[in-house]
Amino acid sequence: MFWLLLALIIIVNLYLYFHYSKRSKQKIQSILDTPEIVSEIKEIVRNHNDSKLVLKLIRDKYFLNTKEAILVLKRIKEEKK
């Protein structure tokens, strides 16, 4: 019974991990595909020097977690180059 319960917990955790990972990638891509949002993020970065404040503003405005906000900023930075 213990092993069955353990296997069930592992399967549920894997499902949730891959499901939310896919949703996170889709959310990041939809932000990057919208030129208005990208320009707003660039404006936020231009107007603020503190990186923690920039992350907080982006997280709050677009409902992202920290990892997603960092990935969005990295991809925008890569786009510039």
PDB file of N, CA and C in Angstrom:
ATOM      1  N   MET A   1       0.825  -1.193   0.000  1.00  0.00           N
ATOM      2  CA  MET A   1       0.000   0.000   0.000  1.00  0.00           C
ATOM      3  C   MET A   1       0.879   1.271   0.000  1.00  0.00           C
ATOM      4  N   PHE A   2       1.938   1.216   0.803  1.00  0.00           N
ATOM      5  CA  PHE A   2       2.854   2.355   0.873  1.00  0.00           C
ATOM      6  C   PHE A   2       3.467   2.644  -0.487  1.00  0.00           C
ATOM      7  N   TRP A   3       3.914   1.598  -1.175  1.00  0.00           N
ATOM      8  CA  TRP A   3       4.569   1.791  -2.479  1.00  0.00           C
ATOM      9  C   TRP A   3       3.593   2.300  -3.524  1.00  0.00           C
ATOM     10  N   LEU A   4       2.378   1.853  -3.442  1.00  0.00           N
ATOM     11  CA  LEU A   4       1.341   2.323  -4.363  1.00  0.00           C
ATOM     12  C   LEU A   4       1.064   3.816  -4.148  1.00  0.00           C
ATOM     13  N   LEU A   5       0.973   4.210  -2.904  1.00  0.00           N
ATOM     14  CA  LEU A   5       0.764   5.618  -2.572  1.00  0.00           C
ATOM     15  C   LEU A   5       1.956   6.465  -3.007  1.00  0.00           C
ATOM     16  N   LEU A   6       3.156   5.971  -2.782  1.00  0.00           N
ATOM     17  CA  LEU A   6       4.364   6.685  -3.188  1.00  0.00           C
ATOM     18  C   LEU A   6       4.414   6.844  -4.710  1.00  0.00           C
ATOM     19  N   ALA A   7       4.091   5.783  -5.431  1.00  0.00           N
ATOM     20  CA  ALA A   7       4.077   5.845  -6.893  1.00  0.00           C
ATOM     21  C   ALA A   7       3.023   6.842  -7.382  1.00  0.00           C
ATOM     22  N   LEU A   8       1.874   6.865  -6.748  1.00  0.00           N
ATOM     23  CA  LEU A   8       0.820   7.800  -7.125  1.00  0.00           C
ATOM     24  C   LEU A   8       1.255   9.247  -6.893  1.00  0.00           C
ATOM     25  N   ILE A   9       1.913   9.510  -5.780  1.00  0.00           N
ATOM     26  CA  ILE A   9       2.412  10.862  -5.485  1.00  0.00           C
ATOM     27  C   ILE A   9       3.446  11.285  -6.516  1.00  0.00           C
ATOM     28  N   ILE A  10       4.335  10.391  -6.885  1.00  0.00           N
ATOM     29  CA  ILE A  10       5.364  10.709  -7.880  1.00  0.00           C
ATOM     30  C   ILE A  10       4.734  10.999  -9.240  1.00  0.00           C
ATOM     31  N   ILE A  11       3.763  10.199  -9.639  1.00  0.00           N
ATOM     32  CA  ILE A  11       3.095  10.409 -10.927  1.00  0.00           C
ATOM     33  C   ILE A  11       2.360  11.750 -10.946  1.00  0.00           C
ATOM     34  N   VAL A  12       1.666  12.085  -9.882  1.00  0.00           N
ATOM     35  CA  VAL A  12       0.943  13.355  -9.815  1.00  0.00           C
ATOM     36  C   VAL A  12       1.926  14.519  -9.851  1.00  0.00           C
ATOM     37  N   ASN A  13       3.029  14.418  -9.129  1.00  0.00           N
ATOM     38  CA  ASN A  13       4.026  15.491  -9.135  1.00  0.00           C
ATOM     39  C   ASN A  13       4.642  15.680 -10.515  1.00  0.00           C
ATOM     40  N   LEU A  14       4.943  14.600 -11.204  1.00  0.00           N
ATOM     41  CA  LEU A  14       5.493  14.709 -12.553  1.00  0.00           C
ATOM     42  C   LEU A  14       4.491  15.356 -13.511  1.00  0.00           C
ATOM     43  N   TYR A  15       3.241  14.953 -13.397  1.00  0.00           N
ATOM     44  CA  TYR A  15       2.207  15.549 -14.246  1.00  0.00           C
ATOM     45  C   TYR A  15       2.111  17.051 -14.003  1.00  0.00           C
ATOM     46  N   LEU A  16       2.054  17.453 -12.746  1.00  0.00           N
ATOM     47  CA  LEU A  16       1.941  18.876 -12.428  1.00  0.00           C
ATOM     48  C   LEU A  16       3.177  19.645 -12.879  1.00  0.00           C
ATOM     49  N   TYR A  17       4.342  19.040 -12.707  1.00  0.00           N
ATOM     50  CA  TYR A  17       5.584  19.707 -13.121  1.00  0.00           C
ATOM     51  C   TYR A  17       5.571  19.976 -14.620  1.00  0.00           C
ATOM     52  N   PHE A  18       5.267  18.973 -15.418  1.00  0.00           N
ATOM     53  CA  PHE A  18       5.283  19.149 -16.869  1.00  0.00           C
ATOM     54  C   PHE A  18       4.122  20.013 -17.360  1.00  0.00           C
ATOM     55  N   HIS A  19       2.971  19.910 -16.711  1.00  0.00           N
ATOM     56  CA  HIS A  19       1.816  20.716 -17.101  1.00  0.00           C
ATOM     57  C   HIS A  19       2.098  22.203 -16.864  1.00  0.00           C
ATOM     58  N   TYR A  20       2.579  22.550 -15.680  1.00  0.00           N
ATOM     59  CA  TYR A  20       2.840  23.958 -15.382  1.00  0.00           C
ATOM     60  C   TYR A  20       4.058  24.485 -16.111  1.00  0.00           C
ATOM     61  N   SER A  21       5.001  23.616 -16.420  1.00  0.00           N
ATOM     62  CA  SER A  21       6.156  24.028 -17.210  1.00  0.00           C
ATOM     63  C   SER A  21       5.701  24.423 -18.613  1.00  0.00           C
ATOM     64  N   LYS A  22       4.788  23.649 -19.186  1.00  0.00           N
ATOM     65  CA  LYS A  22       4.261  23.949 -20.516  1.00  0.00           C
ATOM     66  C   LYS A  22       3.468  25.255 -20.493  1.00  0.00           C
ATOM     67  N   ARG A  23       2.648  25.456 -19.468  1.00  0.00           N
ATOM     68  CA  ARG A  23       1.873  26.698 -19.354  1.00  0.00           C
ATOM     69  C   ARG A  23       2.784  27.899 -19.194  1.00  0.00           C
ATOM     70  N   SER A  24       3.855  27.725 -18.433  1.00  0.00           N
ATOM     71  CA  SER A  24       4.805  28.803 -18.212  1.00  0.00           C
ATOM     72  C   SER A  24       5.477  29.203 -19.521  1.00  0.00           C
ATOM     73  N   LYS A  25       5.885  28.216 -20.312  1.00  0.00           N
ATOM     74  CA  LYS A  25       6.517  28.502 -21.604  1.00  0.00           C
ATOM     75  C   LYS A  25       5.550  29.210 -22.536  1.00  0.00           C
ATOM     76  N   GLN A  26       4.286  28.801 -22.524  1.00  0.00           N
ATOM     77  CA  GLN A  26       3.287  29.437 -23.375  1.00  0.00           C
ATOM     78  C   GLN A  26       3.041  30.878 -22.953  1.00  0.00           C
ATOM     79  N   LYS A  27       3.024  31.115 -21.644  1.00  0.00           N
ATOM     80  CA  LYS A  27       2.808  32.472 -21.143  1.00  0.00           C
ATOM     81  C   LYS A  27       3.970  33.379 -21.532  1.00  0.00           C
ATOM     82  N   ILE A  28       5.198  32.881 -21.394  1.00  0.00           N
ATOM     83  CA  ILE A  28       6.386  33.660 -21.770  1.00  0.00           C
ATOM     84  C   ILE A  28       6.358  33.962 -23.259  1.00  0.00           C
ATOM     85  N   GLN A  29       6.037  32.966 -24.067  1.00  0.00           N
ATOM     86  CA  GLN A  29       6.016  33.162 -25.519  1.00  0.00           C
ATOM     87  C   GLN A  29       4.937  34.152 -25.939  1.00  0.00           C
ATOM     88  N   SER A  30       3.793  34.105 -25.282  1.00  0.00           N
ATOM     89  CA  SER A  30       2.729  35.051 -25.637  1.00  0.00           C
ATOM     90  C   SER A  30       3.131  36.479 -25.275  1.00  0.00           C
ATOM     91  N   ILE A  31       3.873  36.654 -24.194  1.00  0.00           N
ATOM     92  CA  ILE A  31       4.366  37.990 -23.840  1.00  0.00           C
ATOM     93  C   ILE A  31       5.372  38.462 -24.876  1.00  0.00           C
ATOM     94  N   LEU A  32       6.283  37.587 -25.277  1.00  0.00           N
ATOM     95  CA  LEU A  32       7.319  37.970 -26.230  1.00  0.00           C
ATOM     96  C   LEU A  32       6.764  38.189 -27.633  1.00  0.00           C
ATOM     97  N   ASP A  33       5.629  37.585 -27.948  1.00  0.00           N
ATOM     98  CA  ASP A  33       5.023  37.743 -29.269  1.00  0.00           C
ATOM     99  C   ASP A  33       4.213  39.034 -29.408  1.00  0.00           C
ATOM    100  N   THR A  34       3.986  39.713 -28.289  1.00  0.00           N
ATOM    101  CA  THR A  34       3.197  40.944 -28.317  1.00  0.00           C
ATOM    102  C   THR A  34       4.140  42.150 -28.268  1.00  0.00           C
ATOM    103  N   PRO A  35       4.274  42.873 -29.367  1.00  0.00           N
ATOM    104  CA  PRO A  35       5.227  44.000 -29.415  1.00  0.00           C
ATOM    105  C   PRO A  35       4.932  45.101 -28.397  1.00  0.00           C
ATOM    106  N   GLU A  36       3.649  45.338 -28.096  1.00  0.00           N
ATOM    107  CA  GLU A  36       3.302  46.379 -27.124  1.00  0.00           C
ATOM    108  C   GLU A  36       3.842  46.030 -25.744  1.00  0.00           C
ATOM    109  N   ILE A  37       3.707  44.772 -25.355  1.00  0.00           N
ATOM    110  CA  ILE A  37       4.191  44.347 -24.041  1.00  0.00           C
ATOM    111  C   ILE A  37       5.711  44.422 -23.994  1.00  0.00           C
ATOM    112  N   VAL A  38       6.367  43.996 -25.062  1.00  0.00           N
ATOM    113  CA  VAL A  38       7.834  44.048 -25.104  1.00  0.00           C
ATOM    114  C   VAL A  38       8.305  45.489 -24.980  1.00  0.00           C
ATOM    115  N   SER A  39       7.646  46.410 -25.665  1.00  0.00           N
ATOM    116  CA  SER A  39       8.045  47.815 -25.573  1.00  0.00           C
ATOM    117  C   SER A  39       7.780  48.377 -24.179  1.00  0.00           C
ATOM    118  N   GLU A  40       6.694  47.949 -23.527  1.00  0.00           N
ATOM    119  CA  GLU A  40       6.420  48.379 -22.159  1.00  0.00           C
ATOM    120  C   GLU A  40       7.497  47.871 -21.206  1.00  0.00           C
ATOM    121  N   ILE A  41       7.921  46.627 -21.390  1.00  0.00           N
ATOM    122  CA  ILE A  41       8.965  46.062 -20.533  1.00  0.00           C
ATOM    123  C   ILE A  41      10.280  46.800 -20.758  1.00  0.00           C
ATOM    124  N   LYS A  42      10.597  47.108 -22.001  1.00  0.00           N
ATOM    125  CA  LYS A  42      11.814  47.874 -22.292  1.00  0.00           C
ATOM    126  C   LYS A  42      11.754  49.245 -21.633  1.00  0.00           C
ATOM    127  N   GLU A  43      10.583  49.857 -21.625  1.00  0.00           N
ATOM    128  CA  GLU A  43      10.407  51.164 -20.982  1.00  0.00           C
ATOM    129  C   GLU A  43      10.602  51.057 -19.468  1.00  0.00           C
ATOM    130  N   ILE A  44      10.076  49.997 -18.874  1.00  0.00           N
ATOM    131  CA  ILE A  44      10.268  49.771 -17.435  1.00  0.00           C
ATOM    132  C   ILE A  44      11.754  49.633 -17.119  1.00  0.00           C
ATOM    133  N   VAL A  45      12.462  48.865 -17.936  1.00  0.00           N
ATOM    134  CA  VAL A  45      13.900  48.665 -17.721  1.00  0.00           C
ATOM    135  C   VAL A  45      14.639  49.989 -17.897  1.00  0.00           C
ATOM    136  N   ARG A  46      14.254  50.779 -18.867  1.00  0.00           N
ATOM    137  CA  ARG A  46      14.905  52.064 -19.121  1.00  0.00           C
ATOM    138  C   ARG A  46      14.709  53.037 -17.959  1.00  0.00           C
ATOM    139  N   ASN A  47      13.530  53.012 -17.349  1.00  0.00           N
ATOM    140  CA  ASN A  47      13.191  53.991 -16.320  1.00  0.00           C
ATOM    141  C   ASN A  47      13.659  53.626 -14.916  1.00  0.00           C
ATOM    142  N   HIS A  48      14.060  52.396 -14.690  1.00  0.00           N
ATOM    143  CA  HIS A  48      14.458  51.969 -13.350  1.00  0.00           C
ATOM    144  C   HIS A  48      15.841  51.331 -13.394  1.00  0.00           C
ATOM    145  N   ASN A  49      16.671  51.710 -12.425  1.00  0.00           N
ATOM    146  CA  ASN A  49      18.030  51.176 -12.370  1.00  0.00           C
ATOM    147  C   ASN A  49      18.137  49.918 -11.516  1.00  0.00           C
ATOM    148  N   ASP A  50      17.275  49.762 -10.536  1.00  0.00           N
ATOM    149  CA  ASP A  50      17.355  48.641  -9.607  1.00  0.00           C
ATOM    150  C   ASP A  50      16.733  47.390 -10.234  1.00  0.00           C
ATOM    151  N   SER A  51      17.532  46.343 -10.368  1.00  0.00           N
ATOM    152  CA  SER A  51      17.040  45.125 -11.024  1.00  0.00           C
ATOM    153  C   SER A  51      15.948  44.436 -10.213  1.00  0.00           C
ATOM    154  N   LYS A  52      16.026  44.505  -8.880  1.00  0.00           N
ATOM    155  CA  LYS A  52      14.980  43.888  -8.061  1.00  0.00           C
ATOM    156  C   LYS A  52      13.642  44.604  -8.248  1.00  0.00           C
ATOM    157  N   LEU A  53      13.696  45.912  -8.380  1.00  0.00           N
ATOM    158  CA  LEU A  53      12.477  46.679  -8.607  1.00  0.00           C
ATOM    159  C   LEU A  53      11.891  46.376  -9.985  1.00  0.00           C
ATOM    160  N   VAL A  54      12.753  46.231 -10.985  1.00  0.00           N
ATOM    161  CA  VAL A  54      12.300  45.891 -12.339  1.00  0.00           C
ATOM    162  C   VAL A  54      11.601  44.534 -12.324  1.00  0.00           C
ATOM    163  N   LEU A  55      12.213  43.550 -11.672  1.00  0.00           N
ATOM    164  CA  LEU A  55      11.591  42.222 -11.585  1.00  0.00           C
ATOM    165  C   LEU A  55      10.244  42.291 -10.880  1.00  0.00           C
ATOM    166  N   LYS A  56      10.171  43.033  -9.784  1.00  0.00           N
ATOM    167  CA  LYS A  56       8.922  43.146  -9.040  1.00  0.00           C
ATOM    168  C   LYS A  56       7.837  43.796  -9.902  1.00  0.00           C
ATOM    169  N   LEU A  57       8.191  44.857 -10.604  1.00  0.00           N
ATOM    170  CA  LEU A  57       7.201  45.535 -11.458  1.00  0.00           C
ATOM    171  C   LEU A  57       6.699  44.630 -12.575  1.00  0.00           C
ATOM    172  N   ILE A  58       7.610  43.897 -13.194  1.00  0.00           N
ATOM    173  CA  ILE A  58       7.203  42.998 -14.282  1.00  0.00           C
ATOM    174  C   ILE A  58       6.347  41.858 -13.741  1.00  0.00           C
ATOM    175  N   ARG A  59       6.764  41.297 -12.598  1.00  0.00           N
ATOM    176  CA  ARG A  59       5.983  40.209 -11.991  1.00  0.00           C
ATOM    177  C   ARG A  59       4.579  40.664 -11.660  1.00  0.00           C
ATOM    178  N   ASP A  60       4.462  41.844 -11.066  1.00  0.00           N
ATOM    179  CA  ASP A  60       3.148  42.332 -10.654  1.00  0.00           C
ATOM    180  C   ASP A  60       2.263  42.719 -11.840  1.00  0.00           C
ATOM    181  N   LYS A  61       2.864  43.325 -12.851  1.00  0.00           N
ATOM    182  CA  LYS A  61       2.069  43.809 -13.979  1.00  0.00           C
ATOM    183  C   LYS A  61       1.568  42.670 -14.870  1.00  0.00           C
ATOM    184  N   TYR A  62       2.401  41.654 -15.090  1.00  0.00           N
ATOM    185  CA  TYR A  62       2.039  40.576 -16.026  1.00  0.00           C
ATOM    186  C   TYR A  62       1.763  39.239 -15.341  1.00  0.00           C
ATOM    187  N   PHE A  63       1.648  39.240 -14.016  1.00  0.00           N
ATOM    188  CA  PHE A  63       1.301  38.053 -13.239  1.00  0.00           C
ATOM    189  C   PHE A  63       2.257  36.888 -13.504  1.00  0.00           C
ATOM    190  N   LEU A  64       3.552  37.165 -13.403  1.00  0.00           N
ATOM    191  CA  LEU A  64       4.575  36.154 -13.616  1.00  0.00           C
ATOM    192  C   LEU A  64       5.224  35.801 -12.293  1.00  0.00           C
ATOM    193  N   ASN A  65       5.831  34.619 -12.228  1.00  0.00           N
ATOM    194  CA  ASN A  65       6.684  34.341 -11.085  1.00  0.00           C
ATOM    195  C   ASN A  65       8.099  34.829 -11.414  1.00  0.00           C
ATOM    196  N   THR A  66       8.996  34.753 -10.455  1.00  0.00           N
ATOM    197  CA  THR A  66      10.337  35.320 -10.639  1.00  0.00           C
ATOM    198  C   THR A  66      11.078  34.648 -11.783  1.00  0.00           C
ATOM    199  N   LYS A  67      10.980  33.344 -11.875  1.00  0.00           N
ATOM    200  CA  LYS A  67      11.678  32.605 -12.932  1.00  0.00           C
ATOM    201  C   LYS A  67      11.192  33.040 -14.316  1.00  0.00           C
ATOM    202  N   GLU A  68       9.883  33.192 -14.457  1.00  0.00           N
ATOM    203  CA  GLU A  68       9.326  33.616 -15.739  1.00  0.00           C
ATOM    204  C   GLU A  68       9.750  35.036 -16.093  1.00  0.00           C
ATOM    205  N   ALA A  69       9.751  35.918 -15.101  1.00  0.00           N
ATOM    206  CA  ALA A  69      10.149  37.311 -15.346  1.00  0.00           C
ATOM    207  C   ALA A  69      11.607  37.392 -15.781  1.00  0.00           C
ATOM    208  N   ILE A  70      12.472  36.601 -15.146  1.00  0.00           N
ATOM    209  CA  ILE A  70      13.888  36.585 -15.522  1.00  0.00           C
ATOM    210  C   ILE A  70      14.054  36.070 -16.946  1.00  0.00           C
ATOM    211  N   LEU A  71      13.316  35.021 -17.310  1.00  0.00           N
ATOM    212  CA  LEU A  71      13.403  34.489 -18.673  1.00  0.00           C
ATOM    213  C   LEU A  71      12.925  35.500 -19.711  1.00  0.00           C
ATOM    214  N   VAL A  72      11.866  36.229 -19.394  1.00  0.00           N
ATOM    215  CA  VAL A  72      11.376  37.253 -20.317  1.00  0.00           C
ATOM    216  C   VAL A  72      12.446  38.322 -20.523  1.00  0.00           C
ATOM    217  N   LEU A  73      13.057  38.779 -19.436  1.00  0.00           N
ATOM    218  CA  LEU A  73      14.103  39.803 -19.555  1.00  0.00           C
ATOM    219  C   LEU A  73      15.308  39.296 -20.338  1.00  0.00           C
ATOM    220  N   LYS A  74      15.688  38.037 -20.105  1.00  0.00           N
ATOM    221  CA  LYS A  74      16.831  37.471 -20.839  1.00  0.00           C
ATOM    222  C   LYS A  74      16.527  37.377 -22.331  1.00  0.00           C
ATOM    223  N   ARG A  75      15.333  36.947 -22.676  1.00  0.00           N
ATOM    224  CA  ARG A  75      14.990  36.804 -24.094  1.00  0.00           C
ATOM    225  C   ARG A  75      14.899  38.158 -24.785  1.00  0.00           C
ATOM    226  N   ILE A  76      14.399  39.166 -24.081  1.00  0.00           N
ATOM    227  CA  ILE A  76      14.354  40.513 -24.663  1.00  0.00           C
ATOM    228  C   ILE A  76      15.768  41.031 -24.863  1.00  0.00           C
ATOM    229  N   LYS A  77      16.638  40.751 -23.905  1.00  0.00           N
ATOM    230  CA  LYS A  77      18.037  41.176 -24.029  1.00  0.00           C
ATOM    231  C   LYS A  77      18.710  40.471 -25.209  1.00  0.00           C
ATOM    232  N   GLU A  78      18.428  39.176 -25.396  1.00  0.00           N
ATOM    233  CA  GLU A  78      18.990  38.432 -26.526  1.00  0.00           C
ATOM    234  C   GLU A  78      18.464  38.969 -27.856  1.00  0.00           C
ATOM    235  N   GLU A  79      17.206  39.409 -27.871  1.00  0.00           N
ATOM    236  CA  GLU A  79      16.610  39.966 -29.083  1.00  0.00           C
ATOM    237  C   GLU A  79      17.338  41.222 -29.531  1.00  0.00           C
ATOM    238  N   LYS A  80      17.774  42.020 -28.558  1.00  0.00           N
ATOM    239  CA  LYS A  80      18.465  43.271 -28.870  1.00  0.00           C
ATOM    240  C   LYS A  80      19.750  43.030 -29.643  1.00  0.00           C
ATOM    241  N   LYS A  81      20.450  41.951 -29.293  1.00  0.00           N
ATOM    242  CA  LYS A  81      21.769  41.691 -29.891  1.00  0.00           C
ATOM    243  C   LYS A  81      21.682  41.261 -31.313  1.00  0.00           C
TER     244      LYS A  81
END
